Amino acid sequence: MIGTWHGLIIDCPDPKALAGFYRELLGMVEVQDDGDWVVIGDAPDRPGLAFQRADVYTASTWPDPAVPQQMHLDVKVDDLDEGERRILELGARRLDGGGDSFRVYADPAGHPFCLVLM
């Protein structure tokens, strides 16, 4: 092992808003807020998700390959219908694709992510 995972950094136009979306989706807490850099996680000393302001940002157009996914998270849920209802209330939107065990969405900044049954 060379190192340990510290975090995933996601570019977006509004770090506070997107961090709030993922905080609610994943049940995490805000561990840092420097305005243009917001971090959420389980605790300050554990890996987390960081959101950094990108003044020039182009949202993914996936599944249209014009602007690729750039990144995506898989989020495990117990009930796809209930998970979908709750994330749509938070500002996500449903994308084409998916199947019996997963559904594809875009977060409020346009990053694709999936809800999955495991």
C-alpha atoms as a PDB file:
ATOM      1  CA  MET A   1       0.000   0.000   0.000  1.00  0.00           C
ATOM      2  CA  ILE A   2       1.309   3.437  -0.926  1.00  0.00           C
ATOM      3  CA  GLY A   3      -1.325   5.503   0.843  1.00  0.00           C
ATOM      4  CA  THR A   4      -4.916   5.582   2.032  1.00  0.00           C
ATOM      5  CA  TRP A   5      -7.997   7.080   0.447  1.00  0.00           C
ATOM      6  CA  HIS A   6      -8.648  10.597   1.716  1.00  0.00           C
ATOM      7  CA  GLY A   7     -11.544  11.808  -0.418  1.00  0.00           C
ATOM      8  CA  LEU A   8     -13.302  12.317  -3.718  1.00  0.00           C
ATOM      9  CA  ILE A   9     -13.305  15.909  -4.974  1.00  0.00           C
ATOM     10  CA  ILE A  10     -16.210  17.021  -7.146  1.00  0.00           C
ATOM     11  CA  ASP A  11     -16.160  20.215  -9.204  1.00  0.00           C
ATOM     12  CA  CYS A  12     -19.404  22.174  -9.203  1.00  0.00           C
ATOM     13  CA  PRO A  13     -20.753  25.728  -9.475  1.00  0.00           C
ATOM     14  CA  ASP A  14     -22.133  25.854  -5.879  1.00  0.00           C
ATOM     15  CA  PRO A  15     -20.189  23.732  -3.339  1.00  0.00           C
ATOM     16  CA  LYS A  16     -22.478  24.460  -0.372  1.00  0.00           C
ATOM     17  CA  ALA A  17     -25.636  23.461  -2.243  1.00  0.00           C
ATOM     18  CA  LEU A  18     -24.199  20.283  -3.774  1.00  0.00           C
ATOM     19  CA  ALA A  19     -22.622  19.252  -0.450  1.00  0.00           C
ATOM     20  CA  GLY A  20     -26.073  19.665   1.122  1.00  0.00           C
ATOM     21  CA  PHE A  21     -27.609  17.381  -1.496  1.00  0.00           C
ATOM     22  CA  TYR A  22     -25.056  14.621  -0.854  1.00  0.00           C
ATOM     23  CA  ARG A  23     -25.137  15.175   2.920  1.00  0.00           C
ATOM     24  CA  GLU A  24     -28.864  14.365   2.887  1.00  0.00           C
ATOM     25  CA  LEU A  25     -28.493  11.519   0.376  1.00  0.00           C
ATOM     26  CA  LEU A  26     -25.697   9.764   2.301  1.00  0.00           C
ATOM     27  CA  GLY A  27     -26.460  10.741   5.906  1.00  0.00           C
ATOM     28  CA  MET A  28     -23.098  12.461   6.344  1.00  0.00           C
ATOM     29  CA  VAL A  29     -22.145  15.606   8.235  1.00  0.00           C
ATOM     30  CA  GLU A  30     -20.380  18.740   7.071  1.00  0.00           C
ATOM     31  CA  VAL A  31     -16.805  18.640   8.328  1.00  0.00           C
ATOM     32  CA  GLN A  32     -15.344  21.700   6.573  1.00  0.00           C
ATOM     33  CA  ASP A  33     -16.686  24.806   4.842  1.00  0.00           C
ATOM     34  CA  ASP A  34     -14.258  27.290   3.345  1.00  0.00           C
ATOM     35  CA  GLY A  35     -16.792  28.807   0.945  1.00  0.00           C
ATOM     36  CA  ASP A  36     -15.338  27.499  -2.314  1.00  0.00           C
ATOM     37  CA  TRP A  37     -14.453  24.150  -0.675  1.00  0.00           C
ATOM     38  CA  VAL A  38     -16.977  22.128   1.376  1.00  0.00           C
ATOM     39  CA  VAL A  39     -16.284  18.641   2.761  1.00  0.00           C
ATOM     40  CA  ILE A  40     -18.781  16.098   4.099  1.00  0.00           C
ATOM     41  CA  GLY A  41     -18.083  12.742   5.710  1.00  0.00           C
ATOM     42  CA  ASP A  42     -18.701  10.439   8.650  1.00  0.00           C
ATOM     43  CA  ALA A  43     -16.203  12.368  10.810  1.00  0.00           C
ATOM     44  CA  PRO A  44     -13.431  14.941  10.269  1.00  0.00           C
ATOM     45  CA  ASP A  45     -10.685  12.287  10.500  1.00  0.00           C
ATOM     46  CA  ARG A  46     -12.232   9.889   7.949  1.00  0.00           C
ATOM     47  CA  PRO A  47     -12.367  10.002   4.125  1.00  0.00           C
ATOM     48  CA  GLY A  48     -15.114  12.142   2.680  1.00  0.00           C
ATOM     49  CA  LEU A  49     -16.525  13.934  -0.313  1.00  0.00           C
ATOM     50  CA  ALA A  50     -15.242  17.414  -1.105  1.00  0.00           C
ATOM     51  CA  PHE A  51     -16.989  19.909  -3.360  1.00  0.00           C
ATOM     52  CA  GLN A  52     -14.908  22.644  -4.958  1.00  0.00           C
ATOM     53  CA  ARG A  53     -16.145  25.670  -6.865  1.00  0.00           C
ATOM     54  CA  ALA A  54     -15.499  25.506 -10.591  1.00  0.00           C
ATOM     55  CA  ASP A  55     -16.185  28.877 -12.206  1.00  0.00           C
ATOM     56  CA  VAL A  56     -16.123  27.213 -15.618  1.00  0.00           C
ATOM     57  CA  TYR A  57     -18.214  24.070 -15.261  1.00  0.00           C
ATOM     58  CA  THR A  58     -19.947  21.956 -17.892  1.00  0.00           C
ATOM     59  CA  ALA A  59     -22.438  19.424 -16.589  1.00  0.00           C
ATOM     60  CA  SER A  60     -22.376  15.901 -17.967  1.00  0.00           C
ATOM     61  CA  THR A  61     -24.807  15.149 -20.772  1.00  0.00           C
ATOM     62  CA  TRP A  62     -24.646  11.395 -20.150  1.00  0.00           C
ATOM     63  CA  PRO A  63     -25.850   9.155 -21.738  1.00  0.00           C
ATOM     64  CA  ASP A  64     -25.129  11.513 -24.660  1.00  0.00           C
ATOM     65  CA  PRO A  65     -21.331  11.235 -25.006  1.00  0.00           C
ATOM     66  CA  ALA A  66     -20.884  14.960 -25.829  1.00  0.00           C
ATOM     67  CA  VAL A  67     -19.830  15.595 -22.200  1.00  0.00           C
ATOM     68  CA  PRO A  68     -18.850  12.352 -20.400  1.00  0.00           C
ATOM     69  CA  GLN A  69     -19.875  11.298 -16.887  1.00  0.00           C
ATOM     70  CA  GLN A  70     -16.656  12.670 -15.343  1.00  0.00           C
ATOM     71  CA  MET A  71     -17.432  10.587 -12.219  1.00  0.00           C
ATOM     72  CA  HIS A  72     -20.361   8.830 -10.616  1.00  0.00           C
ATOM     73  CA  LEU A  73     -21.311   7.334  -7.288  1.00  0.00           C
ATOM     74  CA  ASP A  74     -23.295   4.170  -6.656  1.00  0.00           C
ATOM     75  CA  VAL A  75     -25.520   4.575  -3.589  1.00  0.00           C
ATOM     76  CA  LYS A  76     -26.952   1.386  -2.034  1.00  0.00           C
ATOM     77  CA  VAL A  77     -30.625   1.581  -1.000  1.00  0.00           C
ATOM     78  CA  ASP A  78     -33.132  -0.897   0.425  1.00  0.00           C
ATOM     79  CA  ASP A  79     -36.027   0.346  -1.743  1.00  0.00           C
ATOM     80  CA  LEU A  80     -35.548   1.933  -5.189  1.00  0.00           C
ATOM     81  CA  ASP A  81     -38.962   3.603  -5.246  1.00  0.00           C
ATOM     82  CA  GLU A  82     -38.555   5.220  -1.834  1.00  0.00           C
ATOM     83  CA  GLY A  83     -34.966   6.222  -2.586  1.00  0.00           C
ATOM     84  CA  GLU A  84     -36.073   7.806  -5.841  1.00  0.00           C
ATOM     85  CA  ARG A  85     -38.884   9.720  -4.171  1.00  0.00           C
ATOM     86  CA  ARG A  86     -36.508  11.185  -1.601  1.00  0.00           C
ATOM     87  CA  ILE A  87     -33.697  12.167  -3.967  1.00  0.00           C
ATOM     88  CA  LEU A  88     -36.107  13.797  -6.421  1.00  0.00           C
ATOM     89  CA  GLU A  89     -37.350  15.931  -3.505  1.00  0.00           C
ATOM     90  CA  LEU A  90     -33.711  16.960  -2.898  1.00  0.00           C
ATOM     91  CA  GLY A  91     -33.297  18.146  -6.487  1.00  0.00           C
ATOM     92  CA  ALA A  92     -32.016  15.110  -8.394  1.00  0.00           C
ATOM     93  CA  ARG A  93     -33.472  14.236 -11.782  1.00  0.00           C
ATOM     94  CA  ARG A  94     -33.977  10.827 -13.354  1.00  0.00           C
ATOM     95  CA  LEU A  95     -31.834   9.930 -16.378  1.00  0.00           C
ATOM     96  CA  ASP A  96     -32.317   7.280 -19.026  1.00  0.00           C
ATOM     97  CA  GLY A  97     -30.884   3.899 -18.214  1.00  0.00           C
ATOM     98  CA  GLY A  98     -31.061   1.505 -15.344  1.00  0.00           C
ATOM     99  CA  GLY A  99     -32.685  -1.832 -14.773  1.00  0.00           C
ATOM    100  CA  ASP A 100     -34.292  -3.978 -12.122  1.00  0.00           C
ATOM    101  CA  SER A 101     -31.461  -3.451  -9.627  1.00  0.00           C
ATOM    102  CA  PHE A 102     -30.376   0.142 -10.315  1.00  0.00           C
ATOM    103  CA  ARG A 103     -31.591   3.533 -11.536  1.00  0.00           C
ATOM    104  CA  VAL A 104     -29.615   6.443 -12.924  1.00  0.00           C
ATOM    105  CA  TYR A 105     -29.964  10.080 -11.845  1.00  0.00           C
ATOM    106  CA  ALA A 106     -28.206  13.424 -12.072  1.00  0.00           C
ATOM    107  CA  ASP A 107     -27.437  15.448  -8.958  1.00  0.00           C
ATOM    108  CA  PRO A 108     -28.403  19.154  -8.942  1.00  0.00           C
ATOM    109  CA  ALA A 109     -25.107  20.063 -10.676  1.00  0.00           C
ATOM    110  CA  GLY A 110     -25.576  17.390 -13.364  1.00  0.00           C
ATOM    111  CA  HIS A 111     -23.196  14.645 -12.102  1.00  0.00           C
ATOM    112  CA  PRO A 112     -24.645  11.173 -12.798  1.00  0.00           C
ATOM    113  CA  PHE A 113     -25.115   8.753  -9.902  1.00  0.00           C
ATOM    114  CA  CYS A 114     -26.995   5.506  -9.362  1.00  0.00           C
ATOM    115  CA  LEU A 115     -29.250   4.100  -6.696  1.00  0.00           C
ATOM    116  CA  VAL A 116     -28.571   0.361  -6.481  1.00  0.00           C
ATOM    117  CA  LEU A 117     -30.146  -2.631  -4.755  1.00  0.00           C
ATOM    118  CA  MET A 118     -27.595  -5.101  -3.403  1.00  0.00           C
END
